[in-house]
C-alpha atoms as a PDB file:
ATOM      1  CA  UNK A   1      22.101  -7.775   6.699  1.00  0.00           C
ATOM      2  CA  UNK A   2      24.302  -6.188   4.024  1.00  0.00           C
ATOM      3  CA  UNK A   3      24.311  -2.455   3.356  1.00  0.00           C
ATOM      4  CA  UNK A   4      22.644  -3.119  -0.013  1.00  0.00           C
ATOM      5  CA  UNK A   5      19.883  -5.122   1.689  1.00  0.00           C
ATOM      6  CA  UNK A   6      19.375  -2.366   4.273  1.00  0.00           C
ATOM      7  CA  UNK A   7      19.211   0.254   1.522  1.00  0.00           C
ATOM      8  CA  UNK A   8      16.597  -1.787  -0.331  1.00  0.00           C
ATOM      9  CA  UNK A   9      14.367  -1.580   2.771  1.00  0.00           C
ATOM     10  CA  UNK A  10      14.711   2.165   3.185  1.00  0.00           C
ATOM     11  CA  UNK A  11      12.232   4.796   2.120  1.00  0.00           C
ATOM     12  CA  UNK A  12      13.005   8.509   2.108  1.00  0.00           C
ATOM     13  CA  UNK A  13      10.372  11.224   2.016  1.00  0.00           C
ATOM     14  CA  UNK A  14      11.469  14.749   1.093  1.00  0.00           C
ATOM     15  CA  UNK A  15       9.436  17.929   1.290  1.00  0.00           C
ATOM     16  CA  UNK A  16       8.799  19.569  -2.086  1.00  0.00           C
ATOM     17  CA  UNK A  17       6.254  22.400  -1.650  1.00  0.00           C
ATOM     18  CA  UNK A  18       2.871  23.069  -0.089  1.00  0.00           C
ATOM     19  CA  UNK A  19       1.560  19.668   1.021  1.00  0.00           C
ATOM     20  CA  UNK A  20       3.561  17.777  -1.630  1.00  0.00           C
ATOM     21  CA  UNK A  21       6.309  15.293  -0.764  1.00  0.00           C
ATOM     22  CA  UNK A  22       8.569  13.120  -2.923  1.00  0.00           C
ATOM     23  CA  UNK A  23       9.021   9.502  -1.825  1.00  0.00           C
ATOM     24  CA  UNK A  24      12.127   7.573  -2.888  1.00  0.00           C
ATOM     25  CA  UNK A  25      11.896   3.777  -2.798  1.00  0.00           C
ATOM     26  CA  UNK A  26      14.944   2.077  -4.289  1.00  0.00           C
ATOM     27  CA  UNK A  27      15.157   3.588  -7.818  1.00  0.00           C
ATOM     28  CA  UNK A  28      11.472   4.633  -7.849  1.00  0.00           C
ATOM     29  CA  UNK A  29       9.906   7.978  -7.074  1.00  0.00           C
ATOM     30  CA  UNK A  30       6.323   8.480  -5.893  1.00  0.00           C
ATOM     31  CA  UNK A  31       4.661  11.702  -4.835  1.00  0.00           C
ATOM     32  CA  UNK A  32       1.959  12.460  -2.293  1.00  0.00           C
ATOM     33  CA  UNK A  33      -0.164  15.576  -1.930  1.00  0.00           C
ATOM     34  CA  UNK A  34      -3.532  16.585  -0.527  1.00  0.00           C
ATOM     35  CA  UNK A  35      -6.744  17.476  -2.373  1.00  0.00           C
ATOM     36  CA  UNK A  36      -7.344  21.145  -3.099  1.00  0.00           C
ATOM     37  CA  UNK A  37     -10.259  21.124  -0.639  1.00  0.00           C
ATOM     38  CA  UNK A  38      -7.786  20.100   2.097  1.00  0.00           C
ATOM     39  CA  UNK A  39      -5.185  22.757   1.233  1.00  0.00           C
ATOM     40  CA  UNK A  40      -3.064  20.819  -1.245  1.00  0.00           C
ATOM     41  CA  UNK A  41      -2.697  21.054  -5.006  1.00  0.00           C
ATOM     42  CA  UNK A  42      -4.019  17.532  -5.759  1.00  0.00           C
ATOM     43  CA  UNK A  43      -0.922  16.635  -7.802  1.00  0.00           C
ATOM     44  CA  UNK A  44      -0.734  13.109  -6.391  1.00  0.00           C
ATOM     45  CA  UNK A  45      -2.586  10.666  -4.142  1.00  0.00           C
ATOM     46  CA  UNK A  46      -2.706  11.272  -0.402  1.00  0.00           C
ATOM     47  CA  UNK A  47      -0.598   9.119   1.943  1.00  0.00           C
ATOM     48  CA  UNK A  48      -3.808   7.434   3.086  1.00  0.00           C
ATOM     49  CA  UNK A  49      -4.769   6.600  -0.495  1.00  0.00           C
ATOM     50  CA  UNK A  50      -1.298   5.092  -1.034  1.00  0.00           C
ATOM     51  CA  UNK A  51      -1.808   3.033   2.118  1.00  0.00           C
ATOM     52  CA  UNK A  52      -5.079   1.632   0.718  1.00  0.00           C
ATOM     53  CA  UNK A  53      -3.440   1.144  -2.693  1.00  0.00           C
ATOM     54  CA  UNK A  54      -0.633  -0.779  -1.013  1.00  0.00           C
ATOM     55  CA  UNK A  55      -3.100  -3.202   0.562  1.00  0.00           C
ATOM     56  CA  UNK A  56      -5.123  -3.602  -2.649  1.00  0.00           C
ATOM     57  CA  UNK A  57      -2.047  -4.151  -4.808  1.00  0.00           C
ATOM     58  CA  UNK A  58      -0.624  -6.678  -2.346  1.00  0.00           C
ATOM     59  CA  UNK A  59      -3.882  -8.656  -2.522  1.00  0.00           C
ATOM     60  CA  UNK A  60      -3.798  -8.422  -6.330  1.00  0.00           C
ATOM     61  CA  UNK A  61      -0.200  -9.687  -6.403  1.00  0.00           C
ATOM     62  CA  UNK A  62      -1.021 -12.702  -4.222  1.00  0.00           C
ATOM     63  CA  UNK A  63      -4.146 -13.410  -6.302  1.00  0.00           C
ATOM     64  CA  UNK A  64      -2.148 -13.306  -9.529  1.00  0.00           C
ATOM     65  CA  UNK A  65       0.435 -15.713  -8.115  1.00  0.00           C
ATOM     66  CA  UNK A  66      -2.354 -18.058  -6.968  1.00  0.00           C
ATOM     67  CA  UNK A  67      -4.061 -17.912 -10.377  1.00  0.00           C
ATOM     68  CA  UNK A  68      -0.827 -18.659 -12.205  1.00  0.00           C
ATOM     69  CA  UNK A  69      -0.065 -21.659  -9.949  1.00  0.00           C
ATOM     70  CA  UNK A  70      -3.569 -23.061 -10.556  1.00  0.00           C
ATOM     71  CA  UNK A  71      -3.851 -22.296 -14.299  1.00  0.00           C
ATOM     72  CA  UNK A  72      -6.592 -19.734 -13.739  1.00  0.00           C
ATOM     73  CA  UNK A  73      -6.723 -16.954 -16.357  1.00  0.00           C
ATOM     74  CA  UNK A  74      -5.470 -13.566 -15.140  1.00  0.00           C
ATOM     75  CA  UNK A  75      -6.860 -11.310 -17.887  1.00  0.00           C
ATOM     76  CA  UNK A  76      -9.165  -8.864 -16.141  1.00  0.00           C
ATOM     77  CA  UNK A  77      -7.877  -9.675 -12.650  1.00  0.00           C
ATOM     78  CA  UNK A  78      -8.463  -6.574 -10.527  1.00  0.00           C
ATOM     79  CA  UNK A  79      -8.974  -5.411  -6.963  1.00  0.00           C
ATOM     80  CA  UNK A  80     -11.164  -2.494  -5.950  1.00  0.00           C
ATOM     81  CA  UNK A  81     -10.877  -0.944  -2.522  1.00  0.00           C
ATOM     82  CA  UNK A  82     -13.265   1.308  -0.672  1.00  0.00           C
ATOM     83  CA  UNK A  83     -12.455   2.858   2.660  1.00  0.00           C
ATOM     84  CA  UNK A  84     -13.920   5.179   5.223  1.00  0.00           C
ATOM     85  CA  UNK A  85     -12.269   7.274   7.858  1.00  0.00           C
ATOM     86  CA  UNK A  86     -12.798   7.023  11.599  1.00  0.00           C
ATOM     87  CA  UNK A  87     -13.305  10.326  13.347  1.00  0.00           C
ATOM     88  CA  UNK A  88     -11.005  10.004  16.336  1.00  0.00           C
ATOM     89  CA  UNK A  89      -8.178   9.416  16.295  1.00  0.00           C
ATOM     90  CA  UNK A  90      -7.698  10.272  12.609  1.00  0.00           C
ATOM     91  CA  UNK A  91      -7.266   6.916  10.899  1.00  0.00           C
ATOM     92  CA  UNK A  92      -8.799   4.580   8.357  1.00  0.00           C
ATOM     93  CA  UNK A  93     -11.800   3.026  10.063  1.00  0.00           C
ATOM     94  CA  UNK A  94     -12.932   0.456   7.528  1.00  0.00           C
ATOM     95  CA  UNK A  95     -11.611  -1.074   4.309  1.00  0.00           C
ATOM     96  CA  UNK A  96     -13.543  -3.265   1.888  1.00  0.00           C
ATOM     97  CA  UNK A  97     -11.617  -5.039  -0.856  1.00  0.00           C
ATOM     98  CA  UNK A  98     -13.274  -6.764  -3.770  1.00  0.00           C
ATOM     99  CA  UNK A  99     -11.230  -9.166  -5.902  1.00  0.00           C
ATOM    100  CA  UNK A 100     -12.509  -9.420  -9.464  1.00  0.00           C
ATOM    101  CA  UNK A 101     -11.509 -12.784 -10.929  1.00  0.00           C
ATOM    102  CA  UNK A 102     -11.771 -13.454 -14.649  1.00  0.00           C
ATOM    103  CA  UNK A 103     -12.852 -17.102 -14.380  1.00  0.00           C
ATOM    104  CA  UNK A 104     -15.546 -19.056 -12.612  1.00  0.00           C
ATOM    105  CA  UNK A 105     -13.954 -20.638  -9.558  1.00  0.00           C
ATOM    106  CA  UNK A 106     -15.101 -23.752  -7.751  1.00  0.00           C
ATOM    107  CA  UNK A 107     -16.047 -23.331  -4.073  1.00  0.00           C
ATOM    108  CA  UNK A 108     -12.745 -25.035  -3.154  1.00  0.00           C
ATOM    109  CA  UNK A 109     -10.742 -22.644  -5.346  1.00  0.00           C
ATOM    110  CA  UNK A 110     -12.602 -19.676  -3.879  1.00  0.00           C
ATOM    111  CA  UNK A 111     -11.811 -20.800  -0.314  1.00  0.00           C
ATOM    112  CA  UNK A 112      -8.148 -21.409  -1.189  1.00  0.00           C
ATOM    113  CA  UNK A 113      -7.823 -18.082  -2.972  1.00  0.00           C
ATOM    114  CA  UNK A 114      -9.390 -16.177  -0.071  1.00  0.00           C
ATOM    115  CA  UNK A 115      -7.035 -17.921   2.362  1.00  0.00           C
ATOM    116  CA  UNK A 116      -4.015 -16.968   0.243  1.00  0.00           C
ATOM    117  CA  UNK A 117      -4.914 -13.323  -0.370  1.00  0.00           C
ATOM    118  CA  UNK A 118      -5.862 -12.748   3.264  1.00  0.00           C
ATOM    119  CA  UNK A 119      -2.255 -13.582   4.112  1.00  0.00           C
ATOM    120  CA  UNK A 120      -0.637 -11.021   1.851  1.00  0.00           C
ATOM    121  CA  UNK A 121       2.208  -9.161   3.516  1.00  0.00           C
ATOM    122  CA  UNK A 122       0.346  -5.863   3.947  1.00  0.00           C
ATOM    123  CA  UNK A 123      -2.810  -7.494   5.325  1.00  0.00           C
ATOM    124  CA  UNK A 124      -0.733  -9.650   7.694  1.00  0.00           C
ATOM    125  CA  UNK A 125       1.035  -6.509   8.895  1.00  0.00           C
ATOM    126  CA  UNK A 126      -2.295  -4.858   9.644  1.00  0.00           C
ATOM    127  CA  UNK A 127      -3.443  -7.922  11.549  1.00  0.00           C
ATOM    128  CA  UNK A 128      -0.239  -8.018  13.616  1.00  0.00           C
ATOM    129  CA  UNK A 129       0.981  -4.394  13.649  1.00  0.00           C
ATOM    130  CA  UNK A 130       4.713  -3.822  13.858  1.00  0.00           C
ATOM    131  CA  UNK A 131       6.330  -1.776  16.567  1.00  0.00           C
ATOM    132  CA  UNK A 132       6.706   1.756  15.208  1.00  0.00           C
ATOM    133  CA  UNK A 133       9.291   4.136  16.606  1.00  0.00           C
ATOM    134  CA  UNK A 134       9.353   7.791  15.612  1.00  0.00           C
ATOM    135  CA  UNK A 135      12.585   9.632  16.321  1.00  0.00           C
ATOM    136  CA  UNK A 136      13.738  13.204  15.760  1.00  0.00           C
ATOM    137  CA  UNK A 137      16.973  14.007  13.969  1.00  0.00           C
ATOM    138  CA  UNK A 138      18.086  17.638  13.870  1.00  0.00           C
ATOM    139  CA  UNK A 139      19.412  18.930  10.554  1.00  0.00           C
ATOM    140  CA  UNK A 140      22.893  20.361  10.658  1.00  0.00           C
ATOM    141  CA  UNK A 141      23.306  23.618   8.705  1.00  0.00           C
ATOM    142  CA  UNK A 142      24.186  22.909   5.068  1.00  0.00           C
ATOM    143  CA  UNK A 143      23.343  19.196   5.322  1.00  0.00           C
ATOM    144  CA  UNK A 144      20.579  17.556   3.324  1.00  0.00           C
END
C-alpha cells in the first residue's frame, strides 16, 4: 500500500477543550462533544451518535446506489436511526434503521434492496467485528 493510500485510511483525533475533540479525516474536519447534561458543551454530536450516523449513512449510500441502478427515484430517500444503550458494559445495545424510499417497490425489489443495504460496509463490519488493538504512545516534550 502506498503512503498516500495509508494516509487516506488514517483518522486523527485531537483534544480541543472540555469534552470536545477535533477529528481529521483526509481533508475533512469533524468535531465530537458531549451533551451539557453529561459535562460537555454540546457543540457537536457524541462519538456514539457519529457511530450510529455512520451506519445510517452507509445504508443510505448503498440504497441510493441500488435505486440508481434500478431506475428508482431517489428524491426523498432517507434513513432514520434509533438506538438504545446497554447498561454494562457501556455500549450501544440496539439499533433500528428505517429506510424511507420515495417509490412503491415490488416485493422482489424490496427483498433485493434489503439484501444490498444489509451488506453495507459498516453493517458488515458490525456483523464480523475487526480485531482492534489499542496502543499507548508517549508524547515527547515539544512534539505534537
